[in-house]
Protein backbone atom coordinates (compact mmCIF):
# COMPACT_ATOMS: atom_id res chain seq x y z
CA UNK A 1 10.31 23.92 -3.86
CA UNK A 2 8.46 23.84 -0.59
CA UNK A 3 6.43 20.23 -1.77
CA UNK A 4 3.07 22.05 -1.62
CA UNK A 5 4.41 25.15 -2.92
CA UNK A 6 2.90 25.21 -6.66
CA UNK A 7 -1.39 24.96 -6.71
CA UNK A 8 -2.05 21.73 -8.94
CA UNK A 9 -5.53 22.43 -11.06
CA UNK A 10 -7.32 20.93 -13.70
CA UNK A 11 -6.10 24.06 -15.99
CA UNK A 12 -2.22 22.92 -15.19
CA UNK A 13 -2.88 19.38 -16.15
CA UNK A 14 -4.30 20.43 -19.20
CA UNK A 15 -1.24 22.95 -20.10
CA UNK A 16 1.18 20.12 -18.99
CA UNK A 17 -0.70 17.97 -21.38
CA UNK A 18 -0.45 20.21 -23.81
CA UNK A 19 3.15 20.94 -23.55
CA UNK A 20 4.48 17.03 -23.72
CA UNK A 21 1.42 15.33 -24.82
CA UNK A 22 -0.82 17.20 -26.86
CA UNK A 23 -2.79 13.97 -28.30
CA UNK A 24 -4.16 13.91 -24.18
CA UNK A 25 -5.39 18.03 -23.62
CA UNK A 26 -8.29 18.19 -24.66
CA UNK A 27 -9.54 14.91 -22.36
CA UNK A 28 -11.96 16.16 -19.73
CA UNK A 29 -9.93 16.31 -16.04
CA UNK A 30 -11.32 16.31 -12.80
CA UNK A 31 -9.67 15.76 -9.49
CA UNK A 32 -10.03 12.11 -8.72
CA UNK A 33 -8.52 11.68 -5.08
CA UNK A 34 -5.35 13.49 -2.82
CA UNK A 35 -2.58 10.81 -1.12
CA UNK A 36 0.19 11.67 1.18
CA UNK A 37 2.49 11.80 -1.77
CA UNK A 38 0.63 12.22 -5.36
CA UNK A 39 -2.50 13.72 -6.44
CA UNK A 40 -4.89 11.84 -8.82
CA UNK A 41 -6.65 13.95 -11.58
CA UNK A 42 -8.85 11.81 -13.63
CA UNK A 43 -8.34 12.41 -17.91
CA UNK A 44 -11.68 11.07 -19.23
CA UNK A 45 -12.57 7.67 -18.38
CA UNK A 46 -10.40 5.20 -18.13
CA UNK A 47 -6.66 7.45 -17.75
CA UNK A 48 -5.13 9.56 -14.83
CA UNK A 49 -2.64 12.04 -14.24
CA UNK A 50 -0.41 11.32 -10.71
CA UNK A 51 1.37 14.74 -10.13
CA UNK A 52 3.84 14.57 -6.98
CA UNK A 53 2.45 17.37 -4.30
CA UNK A 54 3.11 16.56 -0.60
CA UNK A 55 6.49 14.62 -0.22
CA UNK A 56 9.96 15.53 -2.03
CA UNK A 57 10.47 11.36 -2.36
CA UNK A 58 7.53 11.41 -4.88
CA UNK A 59 9.29 12.10 -7.70
CA UNK A 60 11.58 8.73 -7.40
CA UNK A 61 8.09 6.85 -6.42
CA UNK A 62 6.75 7.89 -10.00
CA UNK A 63 9.66 6.92 -11.87
CA UNK A 64 10.23 3.44 -10.41
CA UNK A 65 6.35 2.46 -10.76
CA UNK A 66 7.11 4.14 -14.71
CA UNK A 67 10.15 1.97 -14.94
CA UNK A 68 8.56 -1.29 -13.37
CA UNK A 69 5.29 -2.04 -12.92
CA UNK A 70 4.30 -1.90 -17.16
CA UNK A 71 6.37 -5.43 -17.24
CA UNK A 72 5.12 -6.64 -14.23
CA UNK A 73 1.41 -5.91 -14.69
CA UNK A 74 0.35 -8.50 -17.33
CA UNK A 75 0.95 -11.46 -14.99
CA UNK A 76 -1.17 -10.08 -11.74
CA UNK A 77 -4.31 -11.50 -11.64
CA UNK A 78 -6.28 -8.08 -10.48
CA UNK A 79 -6.04 -4.88 -12.15
CA UNK A 80 -3.45 -2.45 -11.26
CA UNK A 81 -2.98 1.25 -12.93
CA UNK A 82 -0.23 0.69 -15.61
CA UNK A 83 1.98 3.40 -16.87
CA UNK A 84 1.35 5.10 -20.19
CA UNK A 85 3.79 8.36 -19.91
CA UNK A 86 5.88 10.00 -18.28
CA UNK A 87 5.79 14.03 -17.78
CA UNK A 88 8.94 15.06 -17.61
CA UNK A 89 10.17 18.69 -15.25
CA UNK A 90 9.84 21.93 -16.67
CA UNK A 91 9.46 25.52 -16.05
CA UNK A 92 5.58 25.23 -15.52
CA UNK A 93 5.88 22.34 -13.04
CA UNK A 94 9.53 21.43 -11.75
CA UNK A 95 8.77 17.92 -11.10
CA UNK A 96 7.99 14.59 -12.79
CA UNK A 97 5.02 12.94 -13.16
CA UNK A 98 2.58 9.95 -14.84
CA UNK A 99 -0.51 9.60 -17.33
CA UNK A 100 -1.97 5.46 -15.72
CA UNK A 101 -4.81 3.74 -16.49
CA UNK A 102 -7.89 4.51 -13.61
CA UNK A 103 -9.78 1.46 -12.69
CA UNK A 104 -12.61 1.32 -10.98
CA UNK A 105 -13.93 0.18 -7.30
CA UNK A 106 -13.93 1.69 -3.91
CA UNK A 107 -10.88 1.81 -1.55
CA UNK A 108 -11.22 -0.69 0.94
CA UNK A 109 -10.90 1.36 3.94
CA UNK A 110 -14.24 2.62 3.06
CA UNK A 111 -16.35 -0.56 1.28
CA UNK A 112 -14.73 -3.44 2.73
CA UNK A 113 -14.67 -6.79 1.41
CA UNK A 114 -16.65 -9.17 2.52
CA UNK A 115 -17.32 -12.26 0.69
CA UNK A 116 -14.77 -14.21 2.74
CA UNK A 117 -13.98 -17.17 0.73
CA UNK A 118 -13.41 -15.09 -2.88
CA UNK A 119 -11.46 -12.26 -1.36
CA UNK A 120 -8.93 -14.37 0.33
CA UNK A 121 -8.57 -16.31 -2.98
CA UNK A 122 -8.07 -12.88 -4.93
CA UNK A 123 -5.65 -11.73 -2.42
CA UNK A 124 -3.65 -14.98 -2.61
CA UNK A 125 -3.41 -15.27 -6.38
CA UNK A 126 -2.60 -12.06 -6.83
CA UNK A 127 0.55 -12.40 -4.10
CA UNK A 128 1.45 -15.46 -5.56
CA UNK A 129 2.21 -13.96 -8.99
CA UNK A 130 3.55 -11.24 -7.84
CA UNK A 131 5.60 -12.95 -5.46
CA UNK A 132 8.64 -13.88 -8.09
CA UNK A 133 11.89 -13.33 -7.82
CA UNK A 134 13.68 -10.55 -8.96
CA UNK A 135 16.05 -9.15 -11.12
CA UNK A 136 19.58 -7.48 -10.60
CA UNK A 137 19.14 -4.30 -10.15
CA UNK A 138 15.45 -4.21 -8.74
CA UNK A 139 14.66 -1.24 -6.64
CA UNK A 140 15.53 -1.59 -2.51
CA UNK A 141 12.56 -0.85 0.03
CA UNK A 142 11.93 2.13 1.88
CA UNK A 143 12.18 -0.13 5.23
CA UNK A 144 9.82 -2.58 3.92
CA UNK A 145 11.03 -6.11 3.34
CA UNK A 146 13.90 -6.64 5.02
CA UNK A 147 14.45 -7.93 8.77
CA UNK A 148 12.33 -6.68 11.04
CA UNK A 149 14.72 -5.88 14.04
CA UNK A 150 16.91 -3.50 11.42
CA UNK A 151 14.15 -1.89 9.54
CA UNK A 152 11.10 -0.87 11.73
CA UNK A 153 11.49 -2.26 15.42
CA UNK A 154 12.52 1.60 16.79
CA UNK A 155 9.13 2.93 14.61
CA UNK A 156 7.34 0.37 16.39
CA UNK A 157 7.65 0.93 19.66
CA UNK A 158 7.61 4.87 19.75
CA UNK A 159 4.25 4.11 17.88
CA UNK A 160 2.91 1.55 20.31
CA UNK A 161 3.83 3.73 23.24
CA UNK A 162 2.03 6.62 21.75
CA UNK A 163 -0.92 4.94 20.90
CA UNK A 164 -1.19 2.87 24.22
CA UNK A 165 -0.88 6.54 26.01
CA UNK A 166 -3.74 7.63 23.38
CA UNK A 167 -5.67 4.67 24.89
CA UNK A 168 -6.27 3.42 21.40
CA UNK A 169 -4.52 0.15 22.94
CA UNK A 170 -6.89 -2.10 24.96
CA UNK A 171 -4.03 -4.75 25.78
CA UNK A 172 -0.51 -3.20 25.12
CA UNK A 173 0.89 -6.63 27.15
CA UNK A 174 -0.61 -8.95 24.21
CA UNK A 175 0.66 -6.47 21.51
CA UNK A 176 4.04 -6.35 22.73
CA UNK A 177 3.77 -10.14 22.78
CA UNK A 178 2.78 -10.48 19.94
CA UNK A 179 5.35 -8.32 18.61
CA UNK A 180 8.76 -10.00 20.49
CA UNK A 181 7.30 -13.13 18.46
CA UNK A 182 7.79 -11.73 15.08
CA UNK A 183 10.99 -10.02 15.49
CA UNK A 184 12.81 -13.44 17.17
CA UNK A 185 11.36 -15.38 14.40
CA UNK A 186 14.02 -16.48 11.77
CA UNK A 187 15.06 -14.26 8.92
CA UNK A 188 14.27 -14.68 5.39
CA UNK A 189 16.99 -16.93 3.30
CA UNK A 190 15.13 -16.95 0.30
CA UNK A 191 16.03 -14.99 -2.87
CA UNK A 192 14.31 -11.08 -2.65
CA UNK A 193 11.06 -11.28 -4.24
CA UNK A 194 9.06 -8.84 -5.43
CA UNK A 195 6.78 -6.80 -2.93
CA UNK A 196 4.56 -3.92 -2.97
CA UNK A 197 5.30 -3.20 -0.07
CA UNK A 198 2.12 -0.67 1.04
CA UNK A 199 -0.76 -3.13 1.04
CA UNK A 200 -2.86 -0.72 3.30
CA UNK A 201 -6.71 -0.58 3.09
CA UNK A 202 -6.66 2.10 0.67
CA UNK A 203 -4.45 0.59 -1.77
CA UNK A 204 -6.93 -1.96 -2.50
CA UNK A 205 -9.81 -1.27 -4.45
CA UNK A 206 -13.23 -3.66 -4.16
CA UNK A 207 -16.47 -4.49 -6.19
CA UNK A 208 -18.99 -6.59 -5.16
CA UNK A 209 -17.40 -7.68 -1.91
CA UNK A 210 -14.48 -8.71 -2.68
CA UNK A 211 -11.00 -7.43 -4.44
CA UNK A 212 -11.04 -5.42 -8.13
CA UNK A 213 -7.97 -3.85 -7.97
CA UNK A 214 -4.63 -3.39 -6.08
CA UNK A 215 -3.24 0.74 -7.13
CA UNK A 216 0.30 3.00 -5.43
CA UNK A 217 3.39 0.85 -6.34
CA UNK A 218 5.34 4.05 -4.90
CA UNK A 219 6.84 1.54 -3.01
CA UNK A 220 7.47 -1.78 -5.09
CA UNK A 221 10.76 -3.41 -4.05
CA UNK A 222 12.29 -6.62 -3.51
CA UNK A 223 11.97 -8.75 -0.20
CA UNK A 224 10.59 -10.88 2.53
CA UNK A 225 7.25 -11.60 1.15
CA UNK A 226 6.55 -11.69 4.94
CA UNK A 227 6.15 -7.85 4.17
CA UNK A 228 3.11 -8.33 1.51
CA UNK A 229 1.72 -11.59 3.53
CA UNK A 230 0.61 -9.54 6.59
CA UNK A 231 -2.18 -8.06 4.37
CA UNK A 232 -4.17 -11.46 5.37
CA UNK A 233 -4.78 -9.92 8.53
CA UNK A 234 -5.40 -6.65 7.72
CA UNK A 235 -7.54 -6.81 4.38
CA UNK A 236 -9.65 -9.79 4.98
CA UNK A 237 -12.86 -10.42 6.79
CA UNK A 238 -12.62 -12.44 10.22
CA UNK A 239 -11.89 -16.15 9.34
CA UNK A 240 -10.63 -15.75 6.41
CA UNK A 241 -6.94 -15.30 6.62
CA UNK A 242 -6.69 -19.28 6.83
CA UNK A 243 -8.15 -19.89 3.25
CA UNK A 244 -5.41 -17.25 2.16
CA UNK A 245 -2.98 -18.84 3.74
CA UNK A 246 -3.90 -22.21 2.12
CA UNK A 247 -4.29 -20.78 -1.37
CA UNK A 248 -1.21 -18.74 -1.18
CA UNK A 249 1.88 -20.49 -3.28
CA UNK A 250 4.18 -21.59 -2.30
CA UNK A 251 2.48 -22.20 1.48
CA UNK A 252 4.48 -19.86 4.17
CA UNK A 253 6.61 -21.51 6.69
CA UNK A 254 6.15 -20.77 10.15
CA UNK A 255 8.82 -18.47 10.54
CA UNK A 256 7.49 -16.55 7.33
CA UNK A 257 3.96 -15.96 9.64
CA UNK A 258 5.43 -15.06 12.54
CA UNK A 259 7.31 -12.02 10.14
CA UNK A 260 4.35 -11.66 8.87
CA UNK A 261 2.17 -11.20 12.17
CA UNK A 262 5.01 -8.60 12.54
CA UNK A 263 4.28 -6.23 9.83
CA UNK A 264 0.47 -6.30 10.65
CA UNK A 265 0.97 -5.28 13.87
CA UNK A 266 3.21 -2.77 12.86
CA UNK A 267 0.31 -1.58 10.10
CA UNK A 268 -2.41 -1.89 12.59
CA UNK A 269 -0.90 0.35 15.41
CA UNK A 270 -0.31 2.98 12.69
CA UNK A 271 -3.48 2.83 11.38
CA UNK A 272 -5.09 3.29 14.38
CA UNK A 273 -2.60 6.72 14.69
CA UNK A 274 -3.70 8.13 11.03
CA UNK A 275 -7.56 7.25 12.35
CA UNK A 276 -7.23 9.23 15.57
CA UNK A 277 -5.61 11.68 13.51
CA UNK A 278 -8.24 12.00 11.31
CA UNK A 279 -10.81 11.74 14.13
CA UNK A 280 -9.28 15.40 15.50
CA UNK A 281 -8.84 16.97 12.45
CA UNK A 282 -5.19 16.88 11.69
CA UNK A 283 -3.42 16.98 8.50
CA UNK A 284 -2.70 13.38 6.94
CA UNK A 285 -5.16 11.30 9.00
CA UNK A 286 -8.21 9.34 7.92
CA UNK A 287 -10.51 8.20 10.14
CA UNK A 288 -11.98 5.45 7.72
CA UNK A 289 -8.33 3.44 8.77
CA UNK A 290 -9.61 3.15 11.91
CA UNK A 291 -11.76 0.09 11.73
CA UNK A 292 -9.77 -2.21 9.74
CA UNK A 293 -6.74 -1.20 12.08
CA UNK A 294 -8.78 -2.15 15.27
CA UNK A 295 -10.52 -5.29 13.78
CA UNK A 296 -6.63 -6.45 12.30
CA UNK A 297 -5.46 -5.73 16.01
CA UNK A 298 -8.12 -8.12 17.55
CA UNK A 299 -6.87 -10.87 15.16
CA UNK A 300 -3.62 -10.82 15.68
CA UNK A 301 -4.17 -10.86 19.52
CA UNK A 302 -6.74 -13.54 19.82
CA UNK A 303 -4.49 -15.88 17.53
CA UNK A 304 -0.87 -15.69 18.91
CA UNK A 305 0.96 -18.61 19.04
CA UNK A 306 -0.85 -20.07 16.16
């Protein structure tokens, strides 16, 4: 089956619910969002149905969320979507799907956090709570949470060249210097910690100028916390990163901060390319990713060596 072979409609969602979770089938169904991996359909006011549609890997990511997120969610200070039901593949729709709680809030790529102190403290509290040693058998990341050199250096080199050629990087030498500092930092030697793994602006929700929720745990994995700590430069308002690192516990050591800058740099360059694709009307492009990526790149270069 090709990833987009089946058209997902409100009628299909209702049919799937009638077959496997009939007590939910009479709730109103309407489209919530289309992401890279899944479509999200609102189910009444407080639930949503997530169905894979654009990638083959989405099936395993949904099963991972259903297996692990319910145990993590009660310990997190920001709200997260909690899987409630699992839908199994069927003749009608030959892929797994989940029913999860729905969170109110605006994606941070559209409505960024503006209250520096409150957003820095909220993000620090969330990651302090999440970054606990993961149990044996915790999922491995898809290139997240491991050594930068092994995981993403080739990817970053390719994307940086593309972004530079497109005129999106004003000072490529300064960007390469940040990256070189990151990849030469000592590796993480602590225990593998729980990571969200995908803290880009569209996966944080905001309200009243600060963060109110974190969504999409498909890349949940165990590894080096630097992968998530990159969010300080990607998500927070100008001048808030220092506040974040003072509030996060335990205080990151200099090597972890250097690696985190590398992860942030990768996210910023990727964000620029995704925004450019959106500006040109190409599939998968998101113009709203441009401003946070540009701001992050400026912060990383301006604070290099700190």
